[in-house]
mmCIF file of all heavy atoms, coordinates in Angstrom:
data_MODEL
# 
_entry.id   MODEL 
# 
loop_
_atom_site.group_PDB 
_atom_site.id 
_atom_site.type_symbol 
_atom_site.label_atom_id 
_atom_site.label_alt_id 
_atom_site.label_comp_id 
_atom_site.label_asym_id 
_atom_site.label_entity_id 
_atom_site.label_seq_id 
_atom_site.pdbx_PDB_ins_code 
_atom_site.Cartn_x 
_atom_site.Cartn_y 
_atom_site.Cartn_z 
_atom_site.occupancy 
_atom_site.B_iso_or_equiv 
_atom_site.pdbx_formal_charge 
_atom_site.auth_seq_id 
_atom_site.auth_comp_id 
_atom_site.auth_asym_id 
_atom_site.auth_atom_id 
_atom_site.pdbx_PDB_model_num 
ATOM 1   N N   . ARG A 1 1  ? 0.850  -1.189  0.000  1.00 0.00 ? 1  ARG A N   1 
ATOM 2   C CA  . ARG A 1 1  ? 0.000  0.000   0.000  1.00 0.00 ? 1  ARG A CA  1 
ATOM 3   C C   . ARG A 1 1  ? 0.886  1.240   0.000  1.00 0.00 ? 1  ARG A C   1 
ATOM 4   O O   . ARG A 1 1  ? 2.104  1.158   0.192  1.00 0.00 ? 1  ARG A O   1 
ATOM 5   C CB  . ARG A 1 1  ? -0.900 0.007   1.246  1.00 0.00 ? 1  ARG A CB  1 
ATOM 6   C CG  . ARG A 1 1  ? -1.774 -1.189  1.357  1.00 0.00 ? 1  ARG A CG  1 
ATOM 7   C CD  . ARG A 1 1  ? -2.792 -1.168  2.493  1.00 0.00 ? 1  ARG A CD  1 
ATOM 8   N NE  . ARG A 1 1  ? -2.526 -0.322  3.621  1.00 0.00 ? 1  ARG A NE  1 
ATOM 9   C CZ  . ARG A 1 1  ? -3.129 -0.449  4.817  1.00 0.00 ? 1  ARG A CZ  1 
ATOM 10  N NH1 . ARG A 1 1  ? -4.029 -1.406  4.999  1.00 0.00 ? 1  ARG A NH1 1 
ATOM 11  N NH2 . ARG A 1 1  ? -2.838 0.365   5.806  1.00 0.00 ? 1  ARG A NH2 1 
ATOM 12  N N   . ASP A 1 2  ? 0.282  2.370   -0.186 1.00 0.00 ? 2  ASP A N   1 
ATOM 13  C CA  . ASP A 1 2  ? 1.033  3.630   -0.175 1.00 0.00 ? 2  ASP A CA  1 
ATOM 14  C C   . ASP A 1 2  ? 1.655  3.902   1.192  1.00 0.00 ? 2  ASP A C   1 
ATOM 15  O O   . ASP A 1 2  ? 2.682  4.588   1.282  1.00 0.00 ? 2  ASP A O   1 
ATOM 16  C CB  . ASP A 1 2  ? 0.130  4.800   -0.562 1.00 0.00 ? 2  ASP A CB  1 
ATOM 17  C CG  . ASP A 1 2  ? -0.285 4.760   -2.028 1.00 0.00 ? 2  ASP A CG  1 
ATOM 18  O OD1 . ASP A 1 2  ? 0.406  4.068   -2.812 1.00 0.00 ? 2  ASP A OD1 1 
ATOM 19  O OD2 . ASP A 1 2  ? -1.279 5.406   -2.376 1.00 0.00 ? 2  ASP A OD2 1 
ATOM 20  N N   . ASP A 1 3  ? 1.037  3.358   2.252  1.00 0.00 ? 3  ASP A N   1 
ATOM 21  C CA  . ASP A 1 3  ? 1.539  3.627   3.601  1.00 0.00 ? 3  ASP A CA  1 
ATOM 22  C C   . ASP A 1 3  ? 2.342  2.458   4.170  1.00 0.00 ? 3  ASP A C   1 
ATOM 23  O O   . ASP A 1 3  ? 2.602  2.401   5.381  1.00 0.00 ? 3  ASP A O   1 
ATOM 24  C CB  . ASP A 1 3  ? 0.392  3.988   4.546  1.00 0.00 ? 3  ASP A CB  1 
ATOM 25  C CG  . ASP A 1 3  ? -0.625 2.846   4.702  1.00 0.00 ? 3  ASP A CG  1 
ATOM 26  O OD1 . ASP A 1 3  ? -0.668 1.959   3.824  1.00 0.00 ? 3  ASP A OD1 1 
ATOM 27  O OD2 . ASP A 1 3  ? -1.366 2.852   5.701  1.00 0.00 ? 3  ASP A OD2 1 
ATOM 28  N N   . THR A 1 4  ? 2.750  1.503   3.313  1.00 0.00 ? 4  THR A N   1 
ATOM 29  C CA  . THR A 1 4  ? 3.569  0.379   3.788  1.00 0.00 ? 4  THR A CA  1 
ATOM 30  C C   . THR A 1 4  ? 4.967  0.873   4.115  1.00 0.00 ? 4  THR A C   1 
ATOM 31  O O   . THR A 1 4  ? 5.632  1.506   3.283  1.00 0.00 ? 4  THR A O   1 
ATOM 32  C CB  . THR A 1 4  ? 3.651  -0.733  2.730  1.00 0.00 ? 4  THR A CB  1 
ATOM 33  O OG1 . THR A 1 4  ? 2.329  -1.148  2.364  1.00 0.00 ? 4  THR A OG1 1 
ATOM 34  C CG2 . THR A 1 4  ? 4.414  -1.930  3.267  1.00 0.00 ? 4  THR A CG2 1 
ATOM 35  N N   . VAL A 1 5  ? 5.441  0.571   5.322  1.00 0.00 ? 5  VAL A N   1 
ATOM 36  C CA  . VAL A 1 5  ? 6.771  1.032   5.743  1.00 0.00 ? 5  VAL A CA  1 
ATOM 37  C C   . VAL A 1 5  ? 7.764  -0.111  5.908  1.00 0.00 ? 5  VAL A C   1 
ATOM 38  O O   . VAL A 1 5  ? 8.980  0.119   5.917  1.00 0.00 ? 5  VAL A O   1 
ATOM 39  C CB  . VAL A 1 5  ? 6.695  1.829   7.059  1.00 0.00 ? 5  VAL A CB  1 
ATOM 40  C CG1 . VAL A 1 5  ? 5.907  3.109   6.851  1.00 0.00 ? 5  VAL A CG1 1 
ATOM 41  C CG2 . VAL A 1 5  ? 6.091  0.993   8.189  1.00 0.00 ? 5  VAL A CG2 1 
ATOM 42  N N   . LEU A 1 6  ? 7.257  -1.348  6.029  1.00 0.00 ? 6  LEU A N   1 
ATOM 43  C CA  . LEU A 1 6  ? 8.159  -2.481  6.274  1.00 0.00 ? 6  LEU A CA  1 
ATOM 44  C C   . LEU A 1 6  ? 7.571  -3.758  5.703  1.00 0.00 ? 6  LEU A C   1 
ATOM 45  O O   . LEU A 1 6  ? 6.374  -4.021  5.843  1.00 0.00 ? 6  LEU A O   1 
ATOM 46  C CB  . LEU A 1 6  ? 8.395  -2.658  7.783  1.00 0.00 ? 6  LEU A CB  1 
ATOM 47  C CG  . LEU A 1 6  ? 9.233  -3.877  8.210  1.00 0.00 ? 6  LEU A CG  1 
ATOM 48  C CD1 . LEU A 1 6  ? 10.677 -3.737  7.739  1.00 0.00 ? 6  LEU A CD1 1 
ATOM 49  C CD2 . LEU A 1 6  ? 9.177  -4.077  9.724  1.00 0.00 ? 6  LEU A CD2 1 
ATOM 50  N N   . VAL A 1 7  ? 8.441  -4.549  5.066  1.00 0.00 ? 7  VAL A N   1 
ATOM 51  C CA  . VAL A 1 7  ? 8.104  -5.905  4.624  1.00 0.00 ? 7  VAL A CA  1 
ATOM 52  C C   . VAL A 1 7  ? 9.113  -6.844  5.275  1.00 0.00 ? 7  VAL A C   1 
ATOM 53  O O   . VAL A 1 7  ? 10.321 -6.571  5.268  1.00 0.00 ? 7  VAL A O   1 
ATOM 54  C CB  . VAL A 1 7  ? 8.168  -6.038  3.090  1.00 0.00 ? 7  VAL A CB  1 
ATOM 55  C CG1 . VAL A 1 7  ? 7.871  -7.482  2.662  1.00 0.00 ? 7  VAL A CG1 1 
ATOM 56  C CG2 . VAL A 1 7  ? 7.203  -5.070  2.425  1.00 0.00 ? 7  VAL A CG2 1 
ATOM 57  N N   . SER A 1 8  ? 8.641  -7.961  5.835  1.00 0.00 ? 8  SER A N   1 
ATOM 58  C CA  . SER A 1 8  ? 9.530  -8.938  6.469  1.00 0.00 ? 8  SER A CA  1 
ATOM 59  C C   . SER A 1 8  ? 9.183  -10.338 5.981  1.00 0.00 ? 8  SER A C   1 
ATOM 60  O O   . SER A 1 8  ? 8.085  -10.827 6.233  1.00 0.00 ? 8  SER A O   1 
ATOM 61  C CB  . SER A 1 8  ? 9.405  -8.868  8.001  1.00 0.00 ? 8  SER A CB  1 
ATOM 62  O OG  . SER A 1 8  ? 10.306 -9.772  8.614  1.00 0.00 ? 8  SER A OG  1 
ATOM 63  N N   . VAL A 1 9  ? 10.128 -10.941 5.272  1.00 0.00 ? 9  VAL A N   1 
ATOM 64  C CA  . VAL A 1 9  ? 9.989  -12.324 4.801  1.00 0.00 ? 9  VAL A CA  1 
ATOM 65  C C   . VAL A 1 9  ? 11.308 -13.029 5.055  1.00 0.00 ? 9  VAL A C   1 
ATOM 66  O O   . VAL A 1 9  ? 12.373 -12.544 4.657  1.00 0.00 ? 9  VAL A O   1 
ATOM 67  C CB  . VAL A 1 9  ? 9.632  -12.394 3.301  1.00 0.00 ? 9  VAL A CB  1 
ATOM 68  C CG1 . VAL A 1 9  ? 9.591  -13.852 2.826  1.00 0.00 ? 9  VAL A CG1 1 
ATOM 69  C CG2 . VAL A 1 9  ? 8.304  -11.715 3.032  1.00 0.00 ? 9  VAL A CG2 1 
ATOM 70  N N   . MET A 1 10 ? 11.275 -14.178 5.705  1.00 0.00 ? 10 MET A N   1 
ATOM 71  C CA  . MET A 1 10 ? 12.496 -14.866 6.119  1.00 0.00 ? 10 MET A CA  1 
ATOM 72  C C   . MET A 1 10 ? 13.275 -15.422 4.924  1.00 0.00 ? 10 MET A C   1 
ATOM 73  O O   . MET A 1 10 ? 12.694 -15.731 3.880  1.00 0.00 ? 10 MET A O   1 
ATOM 74  C CB  . MET A 1 10 ? 12.164 -15.969 7.125  1.00 0.00 ? 10 MET A CB  1 
ATOM 75  C CG  . MET A 1 10 ? 11.277 -17.058 6.586  1.00 0.00 ? 10 MET A CG  1 
ATOM 76  S SD  . MET A 1 10 ? 10.355 -17.983 7.867  1.00 0.00 ? 10 MET A SD  1 
ATOM 77  C CE  . MET A 1 10 ? 11.389 -17.960 9.306  1.00 0.00 ? 10 MET A CE  1 
ATOM 78  N N   . ARG A 1 11 ? 14.592 -15.540 5.085  1.00 0.00 ? 11 ARG A N   1 
ATOM 79  C CA  . ARG A 1 11 ? 15.436 -16.063 4.007  1.00 0.00 ? 11 ARG A CA  1 
ATOM 80  C C   . ARG A 1 11 ? 15.114 -17.523 3.728  1.00 0.00 ? 11 ARG A C   1 
ATOM 81  O O   . ARG A 1 11 ? 15.057 -17.936 2.571  1.00 0.00 ? 11 ARG A O   1 
ATOM 82  C CB  . ARG A 1 11 ? 16.919 -15.906 4.373  1.00 0.00 ? 11 ARG A CB  1 
ATOM 83  C CG  . ARG A 1 11 ? 17.875 -16.388 3.286  1.00 0.00 ? 11 ARG A CG  1 
ATOM 84  C CD  . ARG A 1 11 ? 17.779 -15.487 2.085  1.00 0.00 ? 11 ARG A CD  1 
ATOM 85  N NE  . ARG A 1 11 ? 18.597 -15.936 0.962  1.00 0.00 ? 11 ARG A NE  1 
ATOM 86  C CZ  . ARG A 1 11 ? 18.134 -16.509 -0.135 1.00 0.00 ? 11 ARG A CZ  1 
ATOM 87  N NH1 . ARG A 1 11 ? 16.841 -16.734 -0.263 1.00 0.00 ? 11 ARG A NH1 1 
ATOM 88  N NH2 . ARG A 1 11 ? 18.933 -16.864 -1.109 1.00 0.00 ? 11 ARG A NH2 1 
ATOM 89  N N   . ALA A 1 12 ? 14.946 -18.290 4.770  1.00 0.00 ? 12 ALA A N   1 
ATOM 90  C CA  . ALA A 1 12 ? 14.535 -19.692 4.634  1.00 0.00 ? 12 ALA A CA  1 
ATOM 91  C C   . ALA A 1 12 ? 13.740 -20.053 5.874  1.00 0.00 ? 12 ALA A C   1 
ATOM 92  O O   . ALA A 1 12 ? 14.072 -19.622 6.987  1.00 0.00 ? 12 ALA A O   1 
ATOM 93  C CB  . ALA A 1 12 ? 15.744 -20.614 4.485  1.00 0.00 ? 12 ALA A CB  1 
ATOM 94  N N   . ASN A 1 13 ? 12.697 -20.843 5.695  1.00 0.00 ? 13 ASN A N   1 
ATOM 95  C CA  . ASN A 1 13 ? 11.825 -21.160 6.819  1.00 0.00 ? 13 ASN A CA  1 
ATOM 96  C C   . ASN A 1 13 ? 12.515 -22.095 7.801  1.00 0.00 ? 13 ASN A C   1 
ATOM 97  O O   . ASN A 1 13 ? 13.153 -23.075 7.407  1.00 0.00 ? 13 ASN A O   1 
ATOM 98  C CB  . ASN A 1 13 ? 10.525 -21.782 6.315  1.00 0.00 ? 13 ASN A CB  1 
ATOM 99  C CG  . ASN A 1 13 ? 9.526  -21.962 7.426  1.00 0.00 ? 13 ASN A CG  1 
ATOM 100 O OD1 . ASN A 1 13 ? 9.411  -23.026 8.008  1.00 0.00 ? 13 ASN A OD1 1 
ATOM 101 N ND2 . ASN A 1 13 ? 8.809  -20.895 7.765  1.00 0.00 ? 13 ASN A ND2 1 
ATOM 102 N N   . ASP A 1 14 ? 12.371 -21.803 9.081  1.00 0.00 ? 14 ASP A N   1 
ATOM 103 C CA  . ASP A 1 14 ? 13.056 -22.592 10.101 1.00 0.00 ? 14 ASP A CA  1 
ATOM 104 C C   . ASP A 1 14 ? 12.440 -23.967 10.308 1.00 0.00 ? 14 ASP A C   1 
ATOM 105 O O   . ASP A 1 14 ? 13.082 -24.841 10.893 1.00 0.00 ? 14 ASP A O   1 
ATOM 106 C CB  . ASP A 1 14 ? 13.080 -21.821 11.428 1.00 0.00 ? 14 ASP A CB  1 
ATOM 107 C CG  . ASP A 1 14 ? 11.695 -21.455 11.925 1.00 0.00 ? 14 ASP A CG  1 
ATOM 108 O OD1 . ASP A 1 14 ? 10.890 -20.931 11.132 1.00 0.00 ? 14 ASP A OD1 1 
ATOM 109 O OD2 . ASP A 1 14 ? 11.402 -21.683 13.112 1.00 0.00 ? 14 ASP A OD2 1 
ATOM 110 N N   . GLU A 1 15 ? 11.216 -24.202 9.832  1.00 0.00 ? 15 GLU A N   1 
ATOM 111 C CA  . GLU A 1 15 ? 10.596 -25.522 9.980  1.00 0.00 ? 15 GLU A CA  1 
ATOM 112 C C   . GLU A 1 15 ? 10.727 -26.361 8.712  1.00 0.00 ? 15 GLU A C   1 
ATOM 113 O O   . GLU A 1 15 ? 11.171 -27.499 8.757  1.00 0.00 ? 15 GLU A O   1 
ATOM 114 C CB  . GLU A 1 15 ? 9.127  -25.376 10.374 1.00 0.00 ? 15 GLU A CB  1 
ATOM 115 C CG  . GLU A 1 15 ? 8.932  -24.810 11.772 1.00 0.00 ? 15 GLU A CG  1 
ATOM 116 C CD  . GLU A 1 15 ? 7.507  -24.962 12.254 1.00 0.00 ? 15 GLU A CD  1 
ATOM 117 O OE1 . GLU A 1 15 ? 6.900  -26.026 12.044 1.00 0.00 ? 15 GLU A OE1 1 
ATOM 118 O OE2 . GLU A 1 15 ? 6.986  -23.999 12.853 1.00 0.00 ? 15 GLU A OE2 1 
ATOM 119 N N   . THR A 1 16 ? 10.337 -25.812 7.576  1.00 0.00 ? 16 THR A N   1 
ATOM 120 C CA  . THR A 1 16 ? 10.392 -26.596 6.334  1.00 0.00 ? 16 THR A CA  1 
ATOM 121 C C   . THR A 1 16 ? 11.729 -26.467 5.625  1.00 0.00 ? 16 THR A C   1 
ATOM 122 O O   . THR A 1 16 ? 12.055 -27.294 4.777  1.00 0.00 ? 16 THR A O   1 
ATOM 123 C CB  . THR A 1 16 ? 9.287  -26.143 5.359  1.00 0.00 ? 16 THR A CB  1 
ATOM 124 O OG1 . THR A 1 16 ? 9.541  -24.791 4.966  1.00 0.00 ? 16 THR A OG1 1 
ATOM 125 C CG2 . THR A 1 16 ? 7.915  -26.241 6.009  1.00 0.00 ? 16 THR A CG2 1 
ATOM 126 N N   . GLY A 1 17 ? 12.482 -25.430 5.937  1.00 0.00 ? 17 GLY A N   1 
ATOM 127 C CA  . GLY A 1 17 ? 13.743 -25.194 5.240  1.00 0.00 ? 17 GLY A CA  1 
ATOM 128 C C   . GLY A 1 17 ? 13.576 -24.567 3.870  1.00 0.00 ? 17 GLY A C   1 
ATOM 129 O O   . GLY A 1 17 ? 14.565 -24.341 3.166  1.00 0.00 ? 17 GLY A O   1 
ATOM 130 N N   . THR A 1 18 ? 12.352 -24.275 3.473  1.00 0.00 ? 18 THR A N   1 
ATOM 131 C CA  . THR A 1 18 ? 12.102 -23.722 2.143  1.00 0.00 ? 18 THR A CA  1 
ATOM 132 C C   . THR A 1 18 ? 12.763 -22.354 1.982  1.00 0.00 ? 18 THR A C   1 
ATOM 133 O O   . THR A 1 18 ? 12.582 -21.460 2.811  1.00 0.00 ? 18 THR A O   1 
ATOM 134 C CB  . THR A 1 18 ? 10.591 -23.600 1.878  1.00 0.00 ? 18 THR A CB  1 
ATOM 135 O OG1 . THR A 1 18 ? 9.987  -24.906 2.003  1.00 0.00 ? 18 THR A OG1 1 
ATOM 136 C CG2 . THR A 1 18 ? 10.327 -23.065 0.483  1.00 0.00 ? 18 THR A CG2 1 
ATOM 137 N N   . ILE A 1 19 ? 13.529 -22.200 0.911  1.00 0.00 ? 19 ILE A N   1 
ATOM 138 C CA  . ILE A 1 19 ? 14.249 -20.961 0.628  1.00 0.00 ? 19 ILE A CA  1 
ATOM 139 C C   . ILE A 1 19 ? 13.312 -19.988 -0.095 1.00 0.00 ? 19 ILE A C   1 
ATOM 140 O O   . ILE A 1 19 ? 12.619 -20.371 -1.039 1.00 0.00 ? 19 ILE A O   1 
ATOM 141 C CB  . ILE A 1 19 ? 15.502 -21.252 -0.228 1.00 0.00 ? 19 ILE A CB  1 
ATOM 142 C CG1 . ILE A 1 19 ? 16.445 -22.186 0.540  1.00 0.00 ? 19 ILE A CG1 1 
ATOM 143 C CG2 . ILE A 1 19 ? 16.220 -19.969 -0.613 1.00 0.00 ? 19 ILE A CG2 1 
ATOM 144 C CD1 . ILE A 1 19 ? 17.561 -22.765 -0.310 1.00 0.00 ? 19 ILE A CD1 1 
ATOM 145 N N   . GLN A 1 20 ? 13.307 -18.754 0.363  1.00 0.00 ? 20 GLN A N   1 
ATOM 146 C CA  . GLN A 1 20 ? 12.366 -17.764 -0.153 1.00 0.00 ? 20 GLN A CA  1 
ATOM 147 C C   . GLN A 1 20 ? 13.024 -16.838 -1.181 1.00 0.00 ? 20 GLN A C   1 
ATOM 148 O O   . GLN A 1 20 ? 14.226 -16.561 -1.095 1.00 0.00 ? 20 GLN A O   1 
ATOM 149 C CB  . GLN A 1 20 ? 11.791 -16.932 0.995  1.00 0.00 ? 20 GLN A CB  1 
ATOM 150 C CG  . GLN A 1 20 ? 11.118 -17.755 2.082  1.00 0.00 ? 20 GLN A CG  1 
ATOM 151 C CD  . GLN A 1 20 ? 9.944  -18.560 1.571  1.00 0.00 ? 20 GLN A CD  1 
ATOM 152 O OE1 . GLN A 1 20 ? 9.263  -18.169 0.612  1.00 0.00 ? 20 GLN A OE1 1 
ATOM 153 N NE2 . GLN A 1 20 ? 9.687  -19.707 2.190  1.00 0.00 ? 20 GLN A NE2 1 
ATOM 154 N N   . PRO A 1 21 ? 12.250 -16.325 -2.143 1.00 0.00 ? 21 PRO A N   1 
ATOM 155 C CA  . PRO A 1 21 ? 12.786 -15.407 -3.161 1.00 0.00 ? 21 PRO A CA  1 
ATOM 156 C C   . PRO A 1 21 ? 12.965 -14.001 -2.590 1.00 0.00 ? 21 PRO A C   1 
ATOM 157 O O   . PRO A 1 21 ? 12.286 -13.045 -2.981 1.00 0.00 ? 21 PRO A O   1 
ATOM 158 C CB  . PRO A 1 21 ? 11.711 -15.450 -4.253 1.00 0.00 ? 21 PRO A CB  1 
ATOM 159 C CG  . PRO A 1 21 ? 10.442 -15.732 -3.518 1.00 0.00 ? 21 PRO A CG  1 
ATOM 160 C CD  . PRO A 1 21 ? 10.826 -16.647 -2.373 1.00 0.00 ? 21 PRO A CD  1 
ATOM 161 N N   . VAL A 1 22 ? 13.894 -13.869 -1.674 1.00 0.00 ? 22 VAL A N   1 
ATOM 162 C CA  . VAL A 1 22 ? 14.049 -12.641 -0.896 1.00 0.00 ? 22 VAL A CA  1 
ATOM 163 C C   . VAL A 1 22 ? 14.440 -11.453 -1.770 1.00 0.00 ? 22 VAL A C   1 
ATOM 164 O O   . VAL A 1 22 ? 13.904 -10.345 -1.595 1.00 0.00 ? 22 VAL A O   1 
ATOM 165 C CB  . VAL A 1 22 ? 15.074 -12.878 0.233  1.00 0.00 ? 22 VAL A CB  1 
ATOM 166 C CG1 . VAL A 1 22 ? 15.627 -11.565 0.770  1.00 0.00 ? 22 VAL A CG1 1 
ATOM 167 C CG2 . VAL A 1 22 ? 14.421 -13.668 1.364  1.00 0.00 ? 22 VAL A CG2 1 
ATOM 168 N N   . ARG A 1 23 ? 15.374 -11.635 -2.684 1.00 0.00 ? 23 ARG A N   1 
ATOM 169 C CA  . ARG A 1 23 ? 15.799 -10.497 -3.500 1.00 0.00 ? 23 ARG A CA  1 
ATOM 170 C C   . ARG A 1 23 ? 14.633 -9.917  -4.292 1.00 0.00 ? 23 ARG A C   1 
ATOM 171 O O   . ARG A 1 23 ? 14.458 -8.689  -4.347 1.00 0.00 ? 23 ARG A O   1 
ATOM 172 C CB  . ARG A 1 23 ? 16.926 -10.909 -4.452 1.00 0.00 ? 23 ARG A CB  1 
ATOM 173 C CG  . ARG A 1 23 ? 17.428 -9.730  -5.287 1.00 0.00 ? 23 ARG A CG  1 
ATOM 174 C CD  . ARG A 1 23 ? 18.597 -10.080 -6.194 1.00 0.00 ? 23 ARG A CD  1 
ATOM 175 N NE  . ARG A 1 23 ? 18.953 -8.946  -7.009 1.00 0.00 ? 23 ARG A NE  1 
ATOM 176 C CZ  . ARG A 1 23 ? 19.748 -7.952  -6.627 1.00 0.00 ? 23 ARG A CZ  1 
ATOM 177 N NH1 . ARG A 1 23 ? 20.281 -7.976  -5.417 1.00 0.00 ? 23 ARG A NH1 1 
ATOM 178 N NH2 . ARG A 1 23 ? 20.017 -6.940  -7.422 1.00 0.00 ? 23 ARG A NH2 1 
ATOM 179 N N   . GLU A 1 24 ? 13.814 -10.766 -4.890 1.00 0.00 ? 24 GLU A N   1 
ATOM 180 C CA  . GLU A 1 24 ? 12.686 -10.298 -5.673 1.00 0.00 ? 24 GLU A CA  1 
ATOM 181 C C   . GLU A 1 24 ? 11.675 -9.555  -4.789 1.00 0.00 ? 24 GLU A C   1 
ATOM 182 O O   . GLU A 1 24 ? 11.124 -8.523  -5.184 1.00 0.00 ? 24 GLU A O   1 
ATOM 183 C CB  . GLU A 1 24 ? 11.996 -11.469 -6.379 1.00 0.00 ? 24 GLU A CB  1 
ATOM 184 C CG  . GLU A 1 24 ? 12.843 -12.130 -7.452 1.00 0.00 ? 24 GLU A CG  1 
ATOM 185 C CD  . GLU A 1 24 ? 13.740 -13.230 -6.903 1.00 0.00 ? 24 GLU A CD  1 
ATOM 186 O OE1 . GLU A 1 24 ? 14.015 -13.235 -5.685 1.00 0.00 ? 24 GLU A OE1 1 
ATOM 187 O OE2 . GLU A 1 24 ? 14.173 -14.077 -7.704 1.00 0.00 ? 24 GLU A OE2 1 
ATOM 188 N N   . ILE A 1 25 ? 11.459 -10.085 -3.574 1.00 0.00 ? 25 ILE A N   1 
ATOM 189 C CA  . ILE A 1 25 ? 10.503 -9.439  -2.667 1.00 0.00 ? 25 ILE A CA  1 
ATOM 190 C C   . ILE A 1 25 ? 11.066 -8.107  -2.166 1.00 0.00 ? 25 ILE A C   1 
ATOM 191 O O   . ILE A 1 25 ? 10.335 -7.120  -2.021 1.00 0.00 ? 25 ILE A O   1 
ATOM 192 C CB  . ILE A 1 25 ? 10.154 -10.384 -1.508 1.00 0.00 ? 25 ILE A CB  1 
ATOM 193 C CG1 . ILE A 1 25 ? 9.431  -11.634 -2.049 1.00 0.00 ? 25 ILE A CG1 1 
ATOM 194 C CG2 . ILE A 1 25 ? 9.282  -9.679  -0.477 1.00 0.00 ? 25 ILE A CG2 1 
ATOM 195 C CD1 . ILE A 1 25 ? 9.190  -12.709 -1.015 1.00 0.00 ? 25 ILE A CD1 1 
ATOM 196 N N   . ALA A 1 26 ? 12.374 -8.078  -1.913 1.00 0.00 ? 26 ALA A N   1 
ATOM 197 C CA  . ALA A 1 26 ? 12.998 -6.826  -1.470 1.00 0.00 ? 26 ALA A CA  1 
ATOM 198 C C   . ALA A 1 26 ? 12.844 -5.735  -2.523 1.00 0.00 ? 26 ALA A C   1 
ATOM 199 O O   . ALA A 1 26 ? 12.594 -4.561  -2.199 1.00 0.00 ? 26 ALA A O   1 
ATOM 200 C CB  . ALA A 1 26 ? 14.470 -7.062  -1.148 1.00 0.00 ? 26 ALA A CB  1 
ATOM 201 N N   . GLU A 1 27 ? 12.982 -6.103  -3.791 1.00 0.00 ? 27 GLU A N   1 
ATOM 202 C CA  . GLU A 1 27 ? 12.827 -5.122  -4.866 1.00 0.00 ? 27 GLU A CA  1 
ATOM 203 C C   . GLU A 1 27 ? 11.410 -4.553  -4.894 1.00 0.00 ? 27 GLU A C   1 
ATOM 204 O O   . GLU A 1 27 ? 11.211 -3.354  -5.131 1.00 0.00 ? 27 GLU A O   1 
ATOM 205 C CB  . GLU A 1 27 ? 13.179 -5.766  -6.205 1.00 0.00 ? 27 GLU A CB  1 
ATOM 206 C CG  . GLU A 1 27 ? 14.669 -6.062  -6.363 1.00 0.00 ? 27 GLU A CG  1 
ATOM 207 C CD  . GLU A 1 27 ? 14.995 -6.831  -7.624 1.00 0.00 ? 27 GLU A CD  1 
ATOM 208 O OE1 . GLU A 1 27 ? 14.035 -7.245  -8.325 1.00 0.00 ? 27 GLU A OE1 1 
ATOM 209 O OE2 . GLU A 1 27 ? 16.187 -7.044  -7.905 1.00 0.00 ? 27 GLU A OE2 1 
ATOM 210 N N   . ILE A 1 28 ? 10.425 -5.407  -4.630 1.00 0.00 ? 28 ILE A N   1 
ATOM 211 C CA  . ILE A 1 28 ? 9.030  -4.941  -4.583 1.00 0.00 ? 28 ILE A CA  1 
ATOM 212 C C   . ILE A 1 28 ? 8.855  -3.952  -3.435 1.00 0.00 ? 28 ILE A C   1 
ATOM 213 O O   . ILE A 1 28 ? 8.237  -2.890  -3.593 1.00 0.00 ? 28 ILE A O   1 
ATOM 214 C CB  . ILE A 1 28 ? 8.076  -6.144  -4.431 1.00 0.00 ? 28 ILE A CB  1 
ATOM 215 C CG1 . ILE A 1 28 ? 8.081  -6.984  -5.713 1.00 0.00 ? 28 ILE A CG1 1 
ATOM 216 C CG2 . ILE A 1 28 ? 6.657  -5.678  -4.085 1.00 0.00 ? 28 ILE A CG2 1 
ATOM 217 C CD1 . ILE A 1 28 ? 7.413  -8.329  -5.559 1.00 0.00 ? 28 ILE A CD1 1 
# 
């Protein structure tokens, strides 16, 4: 949103180990 100040998504999940597309999300 226009008033979004922070996005937080983990690099990899601590339970499943699934690696997240962090760079792409950071760019958004």
